[in-house]
Amino acid sequence: MPATPLFTYIAWIGISAVGLTLLLALMMVYLRISLNRRQQEERAFLDVWRPLLLSALDSSVSAVLPTLAVHERVHFLKLWNNLIHSATGTAADNLISIAYSVGGDYFSRRMLRHGSRVECLLATLALGHMRDHPSWELLVTQTLSADSVTSINAFQALVQIDAETTAQQLIPLLLARDDWPIAHVAAILQSAHGAFLLPLLEATAETKSVHLVRTLHLIEALHLAVPQTTVLRLLDKANDTETIIAALRIANDAGLLGHIRAYLSHPDWRVRVQAAKVLGRIGEHADVNRLIPLLADAEWWVRYRAARALVGMPFFSIAEVELLRDNLSDRFARDMLGQVLAERRPT
């Protein structure tokens, strides 16, 4: 009896399934072989280049370097970037000399133009460490990338190449890139913060700028010394809560105390918190009596920061704080001072 169309259809499905299974098995075998081959190539590369680069950390560069094959360039950048990250002085100079000797600047710029994302990142790191000025425009283009990792690494490379020029040209971009975390940017600028001080202070002059708060946060993260007049201008002209808070966070001059005290009664509890913290840093003995009412504030964080400020004041002893606690009529104020005192005691 001839097979019905249904049976034929089912048979073809079965054959197709077996064929697909075999194809997947062959692909897995191919991928495993390719992976093993790449691992073998990398091990062979490391056997030659790791001892050479490690020796360059302690001695002069070898006059004759092995030929670097095209397929070894990524391996080279991975190893080289890893070593130079912690190298200083002569060791770093030796590694940079080797990178230029093998054409690292040339093929890194090529990777920056045409490489994969990983190759682009490796090349960006290398060009920054090499202080490669010819790659400047390429790296500036990379800072405009929508990919935050790509763009911030390009910015870091530019800072390494020429911090002064980067500060002059890229401050607007730096302040506009909200996807660049402040802590990461501060870490990049830590060794070059002098170049960015004036441009950042100039940026605070634009009190209506949408990036003003980010500017102040970056100034705070870099621990930059801000003139009293700058903070005073911000506090006098700022109308929005976020700017007031950011300005208070960078206030460290006793000449500002008169303005800061006014914010202890601000309607927004977040502003009262920051004002209390500032008084804890730079306040005078008379500010003890200004902080005491905040111990009974309706907001827990205000009570906590006021208590921390009081306990942290060098001229207000622990014995005086304990006496104050015992004489407070407000239960919440007593509890908060007791909690902060307990935090200060050694366990």
Protein backbone atom coordinates (compact mmCIF):
# COMPACT_ATOMS: atom_id res chain seq x y z
CA MET A 1 0.00 0.00 0.00
CA PRO A 2 1.57 3.35 -1.05
CA ALA A 3 2.54 5.80 1.67
CA THR A 4 0.05 8.52 2.28
CA PRO A 5 1.12 12.18 1.98
CA LEU A 6 0.93 12.47 5.78
CA PHE A 7 3.42 9.65 6.31
CA THR A 8 5.74 11.17 3.69
CA TYR A 9 5.55 14.54 5.45
CA ILE A 10 6.36 12.97 8.82
CA ALA A 11 9.29 11.06 7.30
CA TRP A 12 10.75 14.24 5.86
CA ILE A 13 10.39 15.97 9.24
CA GLY A 14 12.32 13.13 10.85
CA ILE A 15 15.06 13.27 8.24
CA SER A 16 15.29 17.06 8.62
CA ALA A 17 15.53 16.78 12.40
CA VAL A 18 18.35 14.24 12.12
CA GLY A 19 20.10 16.46 9.58
CA LEU A 20 19.83 19.52 11.83
CA THR A 21 21.13 17.53 14.78
CA LEU A 22 24.14 16.40 12.78
CA LEU A 23 24.74 19.95 11.56
CA LEU A 24 24.63 21.32 15.12
CA ALA A 25 27.01 18.59 16.26
CA LEU A 26 29.43 19.48 13.45
CA MET A 27 29.20 23.17 14.33
CA MET A 28 29.97 22.43 17.97
CA VAL A 29 32.97 20.34 16.94
CA TYR A 30 34.17 23.13 14.65
CA LEU A 31 33.77 25.77 17.39
CA ARG A 32 35.62 23.58 19.88
CA ILE A 33 38.47 23.02 17.42
CA SER A 34 38.62 26.75 16.64
CA LEU A 35 38.67 27.60 20.35
CA ASN A 36 41.43 25.07 21.01
CA ARG A 37 43.44 26.45 18.11
CA ARG A 38 43.11 30.02 19.39
CA GLN A 39 44.09 28.93 22.88
CA GLN A 40 47.13 27.13 21.53
CA GLU A 41 48.10 30.20 19.50
CA GLU A 42 47.76 32.44 22.56
CA ARG A 43 49.81 30.06 24.72
CA ALA A 44 52.52 29.97 22.05
CA PHE A 45 52.47 33.77 21.89
CA LEU A 46 52.69 34.12 25.69
CA ASP A 47 55.58 31.66 25.89
CA VAL A 48 57.62 34.04 23.73
CA TRP A 49 56.36 37.49 24.68
CA ARG A 50 55.52 37.30 28.36
CA PRO A 51 59.15 36.70 29.48
CA LEU A 52 60.34 39.40 27.07
CA LEU A 53 57.88 42.03 28.35
CA LEU A 54 58.44 41.07 31.97
CA SER A 55 62.19 41.42 31.54
CA ALA A 56 61.64 44.87 30.00
CA LEU A 57 60.15 45.99 33.32
CA ASP A 58 63.55 45.64 35.00
CA SER A 59 66.08 46.14 32.21
CA SER A 60 66.61 47.79 28.85
CA VAL A 61 64.65 46.75 25.79
CA SER A 62 66.06 43.95 23.65
CA ALA A 63 67.58 45.26 20.43
CA VAL A 64 66.01 42.42 18.42
CA LEU A 65 62.31 41.76 18.90
CA PRO A 66 60.38 38.77 17.53
CA THR A 67 58.16 39.40 14.53
CA LEU A 68 54.60 40.04 15.61
CA ALA A 69 52.16 38.20 13.36
CA VAL A 70 48.82 39.78 12.44
CA HIS A 71 46.86 37.18 14.41
CA GLU A 72 49.03 37.94 17.48
CA ARG A 73 48.17 41.63 17.69
CA VAL A 74 45.15 41.20 19.96
CA HIS A 75 47.16 38.87 22.22
CA PHE A 76 49.91 41.48 22.35
CA LEU A 77 47.56 44.31 23.32
CA LYS A 78 45.90 42.21 26.04
CA LEU A 79 49.25 41.32 27.62
CA TRP A 80 50.79 44.74 27.09
CA ASN A 81 47.82 46.67 28.53
CA ASN A 82 47.77 44.39 31.55
CA LEU A 83 51.47 44.98 32.29
CA ILE A 84 51.63 48.72 31.66
CA HIS A 85 48.58 49.39 33.82
CA SER A 86 50.75 49.14 36.94
CA ALA A 87 54.13 50.04 35.42
CA THR A 88 55.81 53.36 36.21
CA GLY A 89 58.98 55.24 35.34
CA THR A 90 61.56 53.34 33.30
CA ALA A 91 59.45 50.18 33.21
CA ALA A 92 56.57 52.04 31.54
CA ASP A 93 58.97 53.76 29.12
CA ASN A 94 60.43 50.38 28.12
CA LEU A 95 57.00 48.91 27.46
CA ILE A 96 55.99 51.95 25.39
CA SER A 97 59.22 51.64 23.39
CA ILE A 98 58.42 48.00 22.63
CA ALA A 99 54.87 48.86 21.57
CA TYR A 100 56.11 51.43 19.07
CA SER A 101 58.86 49.08 17.86
CA VAL A 102 56.33 46.41 16.85
CA GLY A 103 53.99 48.95 15.22
CA GLY A 104 51.52 49.00 18.10
CA ASP A 105 50.53 52.57 17.32
CA TYR A 106 49.80 51.72 13.68
CA PHE A 107 47.74 48.58 14.18
CA SER A 108 45.94 50.04 17.23
CA ARG A 109 44.74 52.97 15.14
CA ARG A 110 43.64 50.50 12.48
CA MET A 111 41.69 48.50 15.09
CA LEU A 112 40.13 51.74 16.28
CA ARG A 113 38.78 52.33 12.77
CA HIS A 114 37.83 48.82 11.70
CA GLY A 115 38.06 46.45 14.67
CA SER A 116 35.41 44.72 16.75
CA ARG A 117 34.22 46.30 19.98
CA VAL A 118 36.78 44.33 22.01
CA GLU A 119 39.60 45.22 19.60
CA CYS A 120 38.52 48.86 19.72
CA LEU A 121 38.66 48.90 23.52
CA LEU A 122 42.08 47.22 23.61
CA ALA A 123 43.39 49.68 21.04
CA THR A 124 41.95 52.66 22.93
CA LEU A 125 43.64 51.60 26.16
CA ALA A 126 46.95 51.03 24.38
CA LEU A 127 46.94 54.36 22.55
CA GLY A 128 46.28 56.17 25.81
CA HIS A 129 49.15 54.43 27.55
CA MET A 130 51.41 55.13 24.56
CA ARG A 131 50.49 58.85 24.69
CA ASP A 132 49.91 58.58 20.96
CA HIS A 133 49.15 62.09 19.67
CA PRO A 134 48.43 61.02 16.05
CA SER A 135 45.39 59.10 17.29
CA TRP A 136 43.85 62.25 18.82
CA GLU A 137 41.07 62.85 16.28
CA LEU A 138 40.15 59.16 16.16
CA LEU A 139 39.79 59.09 19.94
CA VAL A 140 37.75 62.30 19.99
CA THR A 141 35.35 60.63 17.57
CA GLN A 142 35.14 57.63 19.90
CA THR A 143 34.08 59.89 22.81
CA LEU A 144 30.91 60.63 20.83
CA SER A 145 29.95 56.95 20.68
CA ALA A 146 26.59 55.98 22.13
CA ASP A 147 28.38 53.10 23.84
CA SER A 148 29.32 54.55 27.25
CA VAL A 149 32.17 52.07 27.79
CA THR A 150 33.74 52.89 24.43
CA SER A 151 33.32 56.64 24.89
CA ILE A 152 34.62 56.95 28.45
CA ASN A 153 37.67 54.83 27.68
CA ALA A 154 38.42 57.10 24.72
CA PHE A 155 38.11 60.10 27.05
CA GLN A 156 40.56 58.48 29.46
CA ALA A 157 43.04 57.90 26.64
CA LEU A 158 42.80 61.56 25.65
CA VAL A 159 43.48 62.65 29.24
CA GLN A 160 46.57 60.44 29.25
CA ILE A 161 47.77 61.88 25.95
CA ASP A 162 47.21 65.58 26.75
CA ALA A 163 45.21 66.52 29.84
CA GLU A 164 45.40 70.28 29.21
CA THR A 165 43.99 70.08 25.69
CA THR A 166 41.34 67.58 26.77
CA ALA A 167 40.20 69.96 29.51
CA GLN A 168 40.02 72.87 27.08
CA GLN A 169 38.17 71.03 24.34
CA LEU A 170 36.04 68.36 26.00
CA ILE A 171 34.64 69.91 29.20
CA PRO A 172 31.22 70.50 27.52
CA LEU A 173 31.12 66.85 26.41
CA LEU A 174 32.25 65.63 29.83
CA LEU A 175 29.45 67.53 31.55
CA ALA A 176 26.85 66.47 28.99
CA ARG A 177 27.64 62.72 29.18
CA ASP A 178 25.31 61.75 32.02
CA ASP A 179 26.05 58.10 31.23
CA TRP A 180 29.64 58.58 32.44
CA PRO A 181 29.52 57.88 36.20
CA ILE A 182 30.95 60.69 38.33
CA ALA A 183 33.10 58.25 40.34
CA HIS A 184 34.63 56.81 37.14
CA VAL A 185 35.34 60.26 35.71
CA ALA A 186 36.90 61.37 39.02
CA ALA A 187 39.19 58.33 38.99
CA ILE A 188 40.30 59.21 35.45
CA LEU A 189 40.98 62.83 36.35
CA GLN A 190 42.62 62.19 39.71
CA SER A 191 46.17 62.49 38.41
CA ALA A 192 45.29 65.39 36.09
CA HIS A 193 42.78 67.34 38.18
CA GLY A 194 44.93 70.48 38.02
CA ALA A 195 44.22 70.78 34.30
CA PHE A 196 40.46 70.59 34.91
CA LEU A 197 40.17 72.90 37.93
CA LEU A 198 39.82 76.19 36.06
CA PRO A 199 37.50 74.89 33.28
CA LEU A 200 35.23 73.31 35.91
CA LEU A 201 35.14 76.49 37.99
CA GLU A 202 34.36 78.48 34.85
CA ALA A 203 31.49 76.07 34.13
CA THR A 204 29.91 76.96 37.49
CA ALA A 205 29.50 80.56 36.28
CA GLU A 206 26.62 79.37 34.10
CA THR A 207 24.15 79.19 36.99
CA LYS A 208 21.28 78.32 34.66
CA SER A 209 23.17 75.49 32.96
CA VAL A 210 21.39 72.13 32.90
CA HIS A 211 24.75 70.57 33.74
CA LEU A 212 25.53 72.75 36.78
CA VAL A 213 24.68 70.08 39.37
CA ARG A 214 26.83 67.52 37.56
CA THR A 215 29.66 70.07 37.50
CA LEU A 216 29.40 70.56 41.26
CA HIS A 217 29.25 66.81 41.88
CA LEU A 218 32.43 66.36 39.85
CA ILE A 219 34.17 69.17 41.75
CA GLU A 220 33.19 67.46 44.98
CA ALA A 221 34.40 64.04 43.80
CA LEU A 222 37.78 65.51 42.82
CA HIS A 223 38.10 67.33 46.18
CA LEU A 224 38.91 70.55 44.33
CA ALA A 225 39.46 73.70 46.38
CA VAL A 226 36.60 76.03 45.46
CA PRO A 227 36.92 79.76 46.21
CA GLN A 228 34.49 81.14 48.79
CA THR A 229 33.18 83.63 46.23
CA THR A 230 32.16 80.80 43.88
CA VAL A 231 30.14 78.93 46.51
CA LEU A 232 28.63 82.21 47.75
CA ARG A 233 27.52 83.13 44.24
CA LEU A 234 25.91 79.72 43.81
CA LEU A 235 24.06 79.90 47.11
CA ASP A 236 22.86 83.44 46.39
CA LYS A 237 21.60 82.69 42.87
CA ALA A 238 20.49 79.07 43.13
CA ASN A 239 16.74 78.61 43.20
CA ASP A 240 16.42 74.87 42.71
CA THR A 241 16.97 72.42 45.53
CA GLU A 242 19.45 70.19 43.70
CA THR A 243 21.83 73.09 43.04
CA ILE A 244 21.62 74.31 46.63
CA ILE A 245 22.42 70.82 47.92
CA ALA A 246 25.34 70.41 45.49
CA ALA A 247 26.72 73.83 46.48
CA LEU A 248 26.47 73.03 50.19
CA ARG A 249 28.37 69.80 49.63
CA ILE A 250 31.43 71.73 48.40
CA ALA A 251 31.23 74.46 51.06
CA ASN A 252 34.30 74.24 53.29
CA ASP A 253 35.06 77.86 54.15
CA ALA A 254 34.12 79.30 57.56
CA GLY A 255 33.39 82.59 55.83
CA LEU A 256 30.24 80.98 54.44
CA LEU A 257 28.76 80.04 57.81
CA GLY A 258 26.37 82.98 57.86
CA HIS A 259 24.78 81.81 54.61
CA ILE A 260 24.83 78.12 55.50
CA ARG A 261 23.04 78.62 58.82
CA ALA A 262 20.06 80.08 56.98
CA TYR A 263 19.50 76.72 55.31
CA LEU A 264 18.95 74.93 58.64
CA SER A 265 15.30 76.00 58.38
CA HIS A 266 14.87 75.32 54.66
CA PRO A 267 11.51 73.68 53.81
CA ASP A 268 13.20 70.79 51.96
CA TRP A 269 14.61 68.27 54.45
CA ARG A 270 17.45 67.32 52.09
CA VAL A 271 18.78 70.87 52.28
CA ARG A 272 18.56 70.82 56.09
CA VAL A 273 20.57 67.57 56.05
CA GLN A 274 23.38 69.13 54.02
CA ALA A 275 23.42 72.30 56.12
CA ALA A 276 23.81 70.19 59.26
CA LYS A 277 26.66 68.23 57.68
CA VAL A 278 28.48 71.42 56.74
CA LEU A 279 28.19 72.77 60.28
CA GLY A 280 29.61 69.47 61.52
CA ARG A 281 32.67 70.08 59.31
CA ILE A 282 33.34 73.80 59.74
CA GLY A 283 30.89 75.02 62.38
CA GLU A 284 31.75 77.05 65.46
CA HIS A 285 30.83 76.48 69.10
CA ALA A 286 27.81 78.75 68.73
CA ASP A 287 26.44 76.35 66.12
CA VAL A 288 25.82 73.72 68.79
CA ASN A 289 22.69 75.59 69.82
CA ARG A 290 21.63 75.86 66.17
CA LEU A 291 21.90 72.11 65.65
CA ILE A 292 20.06 71.06 68.81
CA PRO A 293 16.57 71.95 67.45
CA LEU A 294 17.25 69.72 64.42
CA LEU A 295 17.49 66.72 66.77
CA ALA A 296 13.68 66.96 67.00
CA ASP A 297 13.13 67.45 63.27
CA ALA A 298 10.24 65.54 61.72
CA GLU A 299 12.62 63.89 59.23
CA TRP A 300 14.79 61.02 60.52
CA TRP A 301 17.77 61.88 58.30
CA VAL A 302 17.84 65.46 59.57
CA ARG A 303 17.89 64.25 63.18
CA TYR A 304 20.64 61.75 62.34
CA ARG A 305 22.89 64.26 60.55
CA ALA A 306 22.41 66.85 63.27
CA ALA A 307 23.43 64.27 65.88
CA ARG A 308 26.45 63.21 63.79
CA ALA A 309 27.47 66.86 63.43
CA LEU A 310 27.27 67.45 67.18
CA VAL A 311 29.20 64.32 68.07
CA GLY A 312 31.85 65.10 65.47
CA MET A 313 32.56 68.67 66.56
CA PRO A 314 36.08 68.72 68.06
CA PHE A 315 35.21 71.41 70.61
CA PHE A 316 32.10 69.60 71.88
CA SER A 317 33.24 66.71 74.06
CA ILE A 318 31.51 63.35 74.38
CA ALA A 319 30.78 64.15 78.01
CA GLU A 320 28.99 67.33 76.92
CA VAL A 321 27.04 65.39 74.29
CA GLU A 322 25.96 62.83 76.90
CA LEU A 323 24.90 65.61 79.26
CA LEU A 324 22.91 67.21 76.44
CA ARG A 325 21.23 63.89 75.68
CA ASP A 326 20.21 63.36 79.28
CA ASN A 327 18.62 66.82 79.48
CA LEU A 328 16.65 66.73 76.23
CA SER A 329 12.90 66.67 76.65
CA ASP A 330 12.17 65.30 73.18
CA ARG A 331 12.29 61.48 73.14
CA PHE A 332 13.27 61.30 69.45
CA ALA A 333 16.14 63.72 70.03
CA ARG A 334 17.40 61.68 72.99
CA ASP A 335 17.15 58.43 71.03
CA MET A 336 19.04 59.85 68.06
CA LEU A 337 21.90 61.21 70.14
CA GLY A 338 22.07 57.89 71.95
CA GLN A 339 22.23 56.00 68.66
CA VAL A 340 25.06 58.15 67.25
CA LEU A 341 26.99 57.94 70.52
CA ALA A 342 26.69 54.14 70.37
CA GLU A 343 28.05 54.19 66.79
CA ARG A 344 31.10 56.12 67.98
CA ARG A 345 31.94 53.77 70.80
CA PRO A 346 34.45 51.02 69.96
CA THR A 347 32.94 47.54 69.73
